């Protein structure tokens, strides 16, 4: 596995997240990233796709954090 691919896959870890809900959201991206790395060859498009997936994961986890905040009246 190319070092860039390994580095990107390492960014999908989710055990450090505080709540089960955040881990559940993040784990879906982790699983997809690892599945893609198994079925696709290393290359620039895989790296680009994993970077974009990482960005999407970050957005969704941030939304999950916002969803958990008390609603203002």
Foldseek 3Di string as FASTA:
>chain_A
DDPLLVVLLVLLDQPPDDDPVLSVLSVVLSVVLVVCPVPDDDDDVNSVVSVVSSVVSVVVSVVVVVVPDDDDD
